[in-house]
PDB file of N, CA and C in Angstrom:
ATOM      1  N   MET A   1      43.990  12.442 116.581  1.00  0.00           N
ATOM      2  CA  MET A   1      43.762  12.703 115.112  1.00  0.00           C
ATOM      3  C   MET A   1      43.311  14.101 114.902  1.00  0.00           C
ATOM      4  N   LYS A   2      42.369  14.392 115.955  1.00  0.00           N
ATOM      5  CA  LYS A   2      41.529  15.694 115.884  1.00  0.00           C
ATOM      6  C   LYS A   2      42.772  16.748 116.050  1.00  0.00           C
ATOM      7  N   LEU A   3      43.630  16.473 117.054  1.00  0.00           N
ATOM      8  CA  LEU A   3      44.680  17.574 117.389  1.00  0.00           C
ATOM      9  C   LEU A   3      45.487  17.787 116.245  1.00  0.00           C
ATOM     10  N   ILE A   4      46.129  16.776 115.560  1.00  0.00           N
ATOM     11  CA  ILE A   4      46.806  16.960 114.374  1.00  0.00           C
ATOM     12  C   ILE A   4      46.135  17.621 113.270  1.00  0.00           C
ATOM     13  N   ALA A   5      44.820  17.609 112.902  1.00  0.00           N
ATOM     14  CA  ALA A   5      44.055  18.209 112.064  1.00  0.00           C
ATOM     15  C   ALA A   5      43.895  19.770 112.506  1.00  0.00           C
ATOM     16  N   LEU A   6      43.759  19.973 113.728  1.00  0.00           N
ATOM     17  CA  LEU A   6      43.555  21.357 114.257  1.00  0.00           C
ATOM     18  C   LEU A   6      44.823  22.186 114.191  1.00  0.00           C
ATOM     19  N   THR A   7      45.836  21.456 114.585  1.00  0.00           N
ATOM     20  CA  THR A   7      47.287  22.074 114.596  1.00  0.00           C
ATOM     21  C   THR A   7      47.523  22.341 113.032  1.00  0.00           C
ATOM     22  N   ALA A   8      47.312  21.493 112.054  1.00  0.00           N
ATOM     23  CA  ALA A   8      47.579  21.762 110.618  1.00  0.00           C
ATOM     24  C   ALA A   8      46.838  22.881 110.143  1.00  0.00           C
ATOM     25  N   ALA A   9      45.551  23.019 110.634  1.00  0.00           N
ATOM     26  CA  ALA A   9      44.760  24.261 110.112  1.00  0.00           C
ATOM     27  C   ALA A   9      45.102  25.489 110.805  1.00  0.00           C
ATOM     28  N   ALA A  10      45.620  25.321 112.085  1.00  0.00           N
ATOM     29  CA  ALA A  10      46.190  26.646 112.721  1.00  0.00           C
ATOM     30  C   ALA A  10      47.335  27.070 111.931  1.00  0.00           C
ATOM     31  N   VAL A  11      48.262  26.170 111.624  1.00  0.00           N
ATOM     32  CA  VAL A  11      49.548  26.618 110.939  1.00  0.00           C
ATOM     33  C   VAL A  11      49.206  27.284 109.562  1.00  0.00           C
ATOM     34  N   ALA A  12      48.174  26.570 108.850  1.00  0.00           N
ATOM     35  CA  ALA A  12      47.857  27.231 107.730  1.00  0.00           C
ATOM     36  C   ALA A  12      47.353  28.661 107.754  1.00  0.00           C
ATOM     37  N   VAL A  13      46.390  28.722 108.711  1.00  0.00           N
ATOM     38  CA  VAL A  13      45.839  30.120 108.661  1.00  0.00           C
ATOM     39  C   VAL A  13      47.064  31.192 109.355  1.00  0.00           C
ATOM     40  N   ALA A  14      47.848  30.807 110.182  1.00  0.00           N
ATOM     41  CA  ALA A  14      48.889  31.586 110.616  1.00  0.00           C
ATOM     42  C   ALA A  14      49.953  32.077 109.615  1.00  0.00           C
ATOM     43  N   SER A  15      50.297  31.003 108.629  1.00  0.00           N
ATOM     44  CA  SER A  15      51.313  31.325 107.716  1.00  0.00           C
ATOM     45  C   SER A  15      50.705  32.440 106.778  1.00  0.00           C
ATOM     46  N   ASN A  16      49.440  32.359 106.498  1.00  0.00           N
ATOM     47  CA  ASN A  16      48.811  33.436 105.590  1.00  0.00           C
ATOM     48  C   ASN A  16      48.835  34.683 106.255  1.00  0.00           C
ATOM     49  N   ALA A  17      48.656  34.771 107.355  1.00  0.00           N
ATOM     50  CA  ALA A  17      48.509  36.147 108.358  1.00  0.00           C
ATOM     51  C   ALA A  17      50.023  36.795 108.358  1.00  0.00           C
ATOM     52  N   PHE A  18      51.096  35.877 108.285  1.00  0.00           N
ATOM     53  CA  PHE A  18      52.428  36.483 108.361  1.00  0.00           C
ATOM     54  C   PHE A  18      53.010  36.513 107.021  1.00  0.00           C
ATOM     55  N   ALA A  19      52.419  36.189 105.939  1.00  0.00           N
ATOM     56  CA  ALA A  19      53.000  36.261 104.668  1.00  0.00           C
ATOM     57  C   ALA A  19      53.398  37.638 104.179  1.00  0.00           C
ATOM     58  N   GLY A  20      52.884  38.602 104.502  1.00  0.00           N
ATOM     59  CA  GLY A  20      53.232  39.908 104.028  1.00  0.00           C
ATOM     60  C   GLY A  20      52.162  40.776 103.355  1.00  0.00           C
ATOM     61  N   ALA A  21      52.497  41.772 102.725  1.00  0.00           N
ATOM     62  CA  ALA A  21      51.562  42.651 102.092  1.00  0.00           C
ATOM     63  C   ALA A  21      50.761  42.032 101.038  1.00  0.00           C
ATOM     64  N   VAL A  22      49.424  42.347 100.872  1.00  0.00           N
ATOM     65  CA  VAL A  22      48.667  41.766  99.772  1.00  0.00           C
ATOM     66  C   VAL A  22      48.757  42.302  98.584  1.00  0.00           C
ATOM     67  N   ALA A  23      48.850  43.666  98.516  1.00  0.00           N
ATOM     68  CA  ALA A  23      49.178  44.266  97.207  1.00  0.00           C
ATOM     69  C   ALA A  23      50.741  44.416  96.979  1.00  0.00           C
ATOM     70  N   TYR A  24      51.117  44.434  95.748  1.00  0.00           N
ATOM     71  CA  TYR A  24      52.506  44.384  95.539  1.00  0.00           C
ATOM     72  C   TYR A  24      52.664  45.915  95.114  1.00  0.00           C
ATOM     73  N   VAL A  25      53.660  46.474  95.979  1.00  0.00           N
ATOM     74  CA  VAL A  25      54.142  47.990  95.584  1.00  0.00           C
ATOM     75  C   VAL A  25      55.322  48.038  94.932  1.00  0.00           C
ATOM     76  N   ALA A  26      55.317  48.330  93.751  1.00  0.00           N
ATOM     77  CA  ALA A  26      56.625  48.473  92.896  1.00  0.00           C
ATOM     78  C   ALA A  26      57.615  49.613  93.366  1.00  0.00           C
ATOM     79  N   PRO A  27      58.803  49.431  93.578  1.00  0.00           N
ATOM     80  CA  PRO A  27      59.631  50.372  94.118  1.00  0.00           C
ATOM     81  C   PRO A  27      60.061  51.304  92.946  1.00  0.00           C
ATOM     82  N   ALA A  28      60.069  52.760  93.412  1.00  0.00           N
ATOM     83  CA  ALA A  28      60.425  53.801  92.503  1.00  0.00           C
ATOM     84  C   ALA A  28      61.820  53.493  91.996  1.00  0.00           C
ATOM     85  N   ALA A  29      61.925  53.959  90.744  1.00  0.00           N
ATOM     86  CA  ALA A  29      63.186  53.989  89.981  1.00  0.00           C
ATOM     87  C   ALA A  29      63.986  55.174  90.648  1.00  0.00           C
ATOM     88  N   PRO A  30      65.518  54.754  90.967  1.00  0.00           N
ATOM     89  CA  PRO A  30      66.156  55.896  91.359  1.00  0.00           C
ATOM     90  C   PRO A  30      66.432  57.054  90.366  1.00  0.00           C
ATOM     91  N   VAL A  31      66.404  58.164  90.885  1.00  0.00           N
ATOM     92  CA  VAL A  31      66.744  59.297  90.020  1.00  0.00           C
ATOM     93  C   VAL A  31      68.259  59.666  89.936  1.00  0.00           C
ATOM     94  N   MET A  32      68.758  59.352  88.595  1.00  0.00           N
ATOM     95  CA  MET A  32      70.149  59.555  88.377  1.00  0.00           C
ATOM     96  C   MET A  32      70.453  61.056  87.821  1.00  0.00           C
ATOM     97  N   VAL A  33      71.221  61.903  88.492  1.00  0.00           N
ATOM     98  CA  VAL A  33      71.765  63.211  88.254  1.00  0.00           C
ATOM     99  C   VAL A  33      73.103  63.139  87.664  1.00  0.00           C
ATOM    100  N   GLU A  34      73.189  63.460  86.400  1.00  0.00           N
ATOM    101  CA  GLU A  34      74.414  63.359  85.781  1.00  0.00           C
ATOM    102  C   GLU A  34      75.184  64.725  85.861  1.00  0.00           C
ATOM    103  N   GLU A  35      76.397  64.815  86.536  1.00  0.00           N
ATOM    104  CA  GLU A  35      77.184  66.152  86.696  1.00  0.00           C
ATOM    105  C   GLU A  35      78.022  66.412  85.298  1.00  0.00           C
ATOM    106  N   PRO A  36      78.065  67.734  85.116  1.00  0.00           N
ATOM    107  CA  PRO A  36      78.819  68.002  84.037  1.00  0.00           C
ATOM    108  C   PRO A  36      80.408  67.641  84.143  1.00  0.00           C
ATOM    109  N   ALA A  37      80.816  67.110  83.056  1.00  0.00           N
ATOM    110  CA  ALA A  37      82.176  66.628  83.119  1.00  0.00           C
ATOM    111  C   ALA A  37      83.107  67.868  83.308  1.00  0.00           C
ATOM    112  N   SER A  38      84.196  67.974  84.355  1.00  0.00           N
ATOM    113  CA  SER A  38      85.015  68.872  84.614  1.00  0.00           C
ATOM    114  C   SER A  38      86.280  68.524  84.806  1.00  0.00           C
ATOM    115  N   MET A  39      87.323  69.230  84.801  1.00  0.00           N
ATOM    116  CA  MET A  39      88.669  68.778  84.945  1.00  0.00           C
ATOM    117  C   MET A  39      89.161  69.338  86.433  1.00  0.00           C
ATOM    118  N   GLY A  40      88.235  70.039  86.973  1.00  0.00           N
ATOM    119  CA  GLY A  40      88.591  70.653  88.447  1.00  0.00           C
ATOM    120  C   GLY A  40      89.106  69.752  89.582  1.00  0.00           C
ATOM    121  N   GLY A  41      88.350  68.809  90.104  1.00  0.00           N
ATOM    122  CA  GLY A  41      88.637  68.267  91.248  1.00  0.00           C
ATOM    123  C   GLY A  41      89.093  66.668  91.200  1.00  0.00           C
ATOM    124  N   SER A  42      89.282  66.304  89.834  1.00  0.00           N
ATOM    125  CA  SER A  42      89.369  64.911  89.586  1.00  0.00           C
ATOM    126  C   SER A  42      90.997  64.455  89.521  1.00  0.00           C
ATOM    127  N   GLY A  43      91.752  65.597  89.354  1.00  0.00           N
ATOM    128  CA  GLY A  43      93.210  65.203  89.106  1.00  0.00           C
ATOM    129  C   GLY A  43      93.552  65.005  87.622  1.00  0.00           C
ATOM    130  N   MET A  44      92.665  65.121  86.843  1.00  0.00           N
ATOM    131  CA  MET A  44      92.947  64.996  85.386  1.00  0.00           C
ATOM    132  C   MET A  44      93.656  66.044  84.755  1.00  0.00           C
ATOM    133  N   TRP A  45      94.064  66.989  85.576  1.00  0.00           N
ATOM    134  CA  TRP A  45      94.847  68.199  85.028  1.00  0.00           C
ATOM    135  C   TRP A  45      96.300  67.740  85.082  1.00  0.00           C
ATOM    136  N   LEU A  46      96.576  66.818  86.065  1.00  0.00           N
ATOM    137  CA  LEU A  46      97.937  66.396  86.127  1.00  0.00           C
ATOM    138  C   LEU A  46      98.357  65.824  84.867  1.00  0.00           C
ATOM    139  N   ILE A  47      97.635  65.147  84.111  1.00  0.00           N
ATOM    140  CA  ILE A  47      98.109  64.434  82.814  1.00  0.00           C
ATOM    141  C   ILE A  47      98.858  65.559  81.894  1.00  0.00           C
ATOM    142  N   PRO A  48      98.038  66.386  81.415  1.00  0.00           N
ATOM    143  CA  PRO A  48      98.771  67.280  80.347  1.00  0.00           C
ATOM    144  C   PRO A  48      99.894  68.052  81.043  1.00  0.00           C
ATOM    145  N   LEU A  49      99.850  68.319  82.467  1.00  0.00           N
ATOM    146  CA  LEU A  49     100.921  69.003  83.088  1.00  0.00           C
ATOM    147  C   LEU A  49     102.107  68.089  83.079  1.00  0.00           C
ATOM    148  N   ILE A  50     102.227  66.845  83.211  1.00  0.00           N
ATOM    149  CA  ILE A  50     103.228  65.822  83.132  1.00  0.00           C
ATOM    150  C   ILE A  50     103.732  65.703  81.801  1.00  0.00           C
ATOM    151  N   ALA A  51     102.972  65.810  80.854  1.00  0.00           N
ATOM    152  CA  ALA A  51     103.182  65.610  79.366  1.00  0.00           C
ATOM    153  C   ALA A  51     103.953  66.933  78.937  1.00  0.00           C
ATOM    154  N   ILE A  52     103.575  68.121  79.499  1.00  0.00           N
ATOM    155  CA  ILE A  52     104.335  69.310  79.200  1.00  0.00           C
ATOM    156  C   ILE A  52     105.626  69.203  79.706  1.00  0.00           C
ATOM    157  N   ALA A  53     105.759  68.788  80.924  1.00  0.00           N
ATOM    158  CA  ALA A  53     106.946  68.680  81.612  1.00  0.00           C
ATOM    159  C   ALA A  53     107.872  67.751  80.931  1.00  0.00           C
ATOM    160  N   LEU A  54     107.318  66.701  80.590  1.00  0.00           N
ATOM    161  CA  LEU A  54     108.261  65.630  79.858  1.00  0.00           C
ATOM    162  C   LEU A  54     108.722  66.266  78.558  1.00  0.00           C
ATOM    163  N   ILE A  55     107.937  67.026  77.798  1.00  0.00           N
ATOM    164  CA  ILE A  55     108.293  67.611  76.506  1.00  0.00           C
ATOM    165  C   ILE A  55     109.413  68.590  76.755  1.00  0.00           C
ATOM    166  N   ALA A  56     109.218  69.371  77.747  1.00  0.00           N
ATOM    167  CA  ALA A  56     110.132  70.372  77.991  1.00  0.00           C
ATOM    168  C   ALA A  56     111.491  69.805  78.554  1.00  0.00           C
ATOM    169  N   LEU A  57     111.374  68.686  79.143  1.00  0.00           N
ATOM    170  CA  LEU A  57     112.605  68.165  79.780  1.00  0.00           C
ATOM    171  C   LEU A  57     113.435  67.402  78.459  1.00  0.00           C
ATOM    172  N   ALA A  58     112.591  66.895  77.662  1.00  0.00           N
ATOM    173  CA  ALA A  58     113.352  66.330  76.337  1.00  0.00           C
ATOM    174  C   ALA A  58     113.843  67.364  75.488  1.00  0.00           C
ATOM    175  N   ALA A  59     113.241  68.508  75.600  1.00  0.00           N
ATOM    176  CA  ALA A  59     113.570  69.629  74.597  1.00  0.00           C
ATOM    177  C   ALA A  59     115.018  70.257  75.318  1.00  0.00           C
ATOM    178  N   SER A  60     114.941  70.357  76.514  1.00  0.00           N
ATOM    179  CA  SER A  60     116.284  70.873  77.077  1.00  0.00           C
ATOM    180  C   SER A  60     117.697  70.164  77.093  1.00  0.00           C
ATOM    181  N   ARG A  61     117.448  68.777  76.840  1.00  0.00           N
ATOM    182  CA  ARG A  61     118.574  67.800  76.697  1.00  0.00           C
ATOM    183  C   ARG A  61     119.230  67.895  75.406  1.00  0.00           C
ATOM    184  N   PRO A  62     120.551  67.932  75.310  1.00  0.00           N
ATOM    185  CA  PRO A  62     121.247  68.040  74.090  1.00  0.00           C
ATOM    186  C   PRO A  62     121.116  66.682  73.264  1.00  0.00           C
TER     187      PRO A  62
END
Protein backbone atom coordinates (compact mmCIF):
# COMPACT_ATOMS: atom_id res chain seq x y z
CA MET A 1 0.00 0.00 0.00
CA LYS A 2 2.90 2.34 0.77
CA LEU A 3 4.36 1.65 -2.67
CA ILE A 4 1.12 2.62 -4.41
CA ALA A 5 0.85 5.87 -2.44
CA LEU A 6 4.51 6.70 -3.10
CA THR A 7 4.10 6.00 -6.82
CA ALA A 8 0.97 8.16 -7.00
CA ALA A 9 2.76 11.02 -5.24
CA ALA A 10 5.76 10.73 -7.57
CA VAL A 11 3.50 10.77 -10.64
CA ALA A 12 1.65 13.84 -9.34
CA VAL A 13 4.89 15.73 -8.72
CA ALA A 14 6.43 14.68 -12.05
CA SER A 15 3.36 15.67 -14.08
CA ASN A 16 3.60 19.23 -12.73
CA ALA A 17 7.30 19.38 -13.51
CA PHE A 18 6.72 18.60 -17.20
CA ALA A 19 3.52 20.62 -17.59
CA GLY A 20 5.15 23.55 -19.39
CA ALA A 21 5.72 27.22 -18.75
CA VAL A 22 4.23 28.78 -15.63
CA ALA A 23 3.56 32.19 -17.17
CA TYR A 24 1.44 32.51 -20.29
CA VAL A 25 3.20 34.39 -23.08
CA ALA A 26 0.78 35.75 -25.64
CA PRO A 27 1.99 35.38 -29.23
CA ALA A 28 2.63 38.61 -31.09
CA ALA A 29 0.16 39.54 -33.80
CA PRO A 30 1.57 39.10 -37.31
CA VAL A 31 2.30 42.31 -39.19
CA MET A 32 0.39 42.49 -42.46
CA VAL A 33 1.88 44.74 -45.12
CA GLU A 34 -0.55 45.69 -47.83
CA GLU A 35 0.99 46.19 -51.24
CA PRO A 36 -0.48 48.75 -53.61
CA ALA A 37 -2.67 47.27 -56.31
CA SER A 38 -0.98 47.26 -59.69
CA MET A 39 -1.73 45.58 -62.99
CA GLY A 40 1.95 44.85 -63.63
CA GLY A 41 2.64 41.22 -62.99
CA SER A 42 -0.75 39.77 -62.17
CA GLY A 43 -1.89 39.18 -65.73
CA MET A 44 -4.85 41.52 -65.36
CA TRP A 45 -3.67 43.48 -68.38
CA LEU A 46 -4.78 40.57 -70.57
CA ILE A 47 -8.50 41.16 -69.95
CA PRO A 48 -8.67 44.66 -71.53
CA LEU A 49 -6.37 43.49 -74.33
CA ILE A 50 -8.68 40.59 -75.16
CA ALA A 51 -11.72 42.88 -74.97
CA ILE A 52 -10.13 45.34 -77.41
CA ALA A 53 -9.18 42.49 -79.76
CA LEU A 54 -12.75 41.14 -79.71
CA ILE A 55 -14.19 44.58 -80.42
CA ALA A 56 -11.75 45.07 -83.28
CA LEU A 57 -12.60 41.62 -84.66
CA ALA A 58 -16.34 42.31 -84.45
CA ALA A 59 -15.91 45.71 -86.14
CA SER A 60 -13.91 44.26 -89.03
CA ARG A 61 -16.56 41.64 -89.93
CA PRO A 62 -19.22 42.72 -92.42
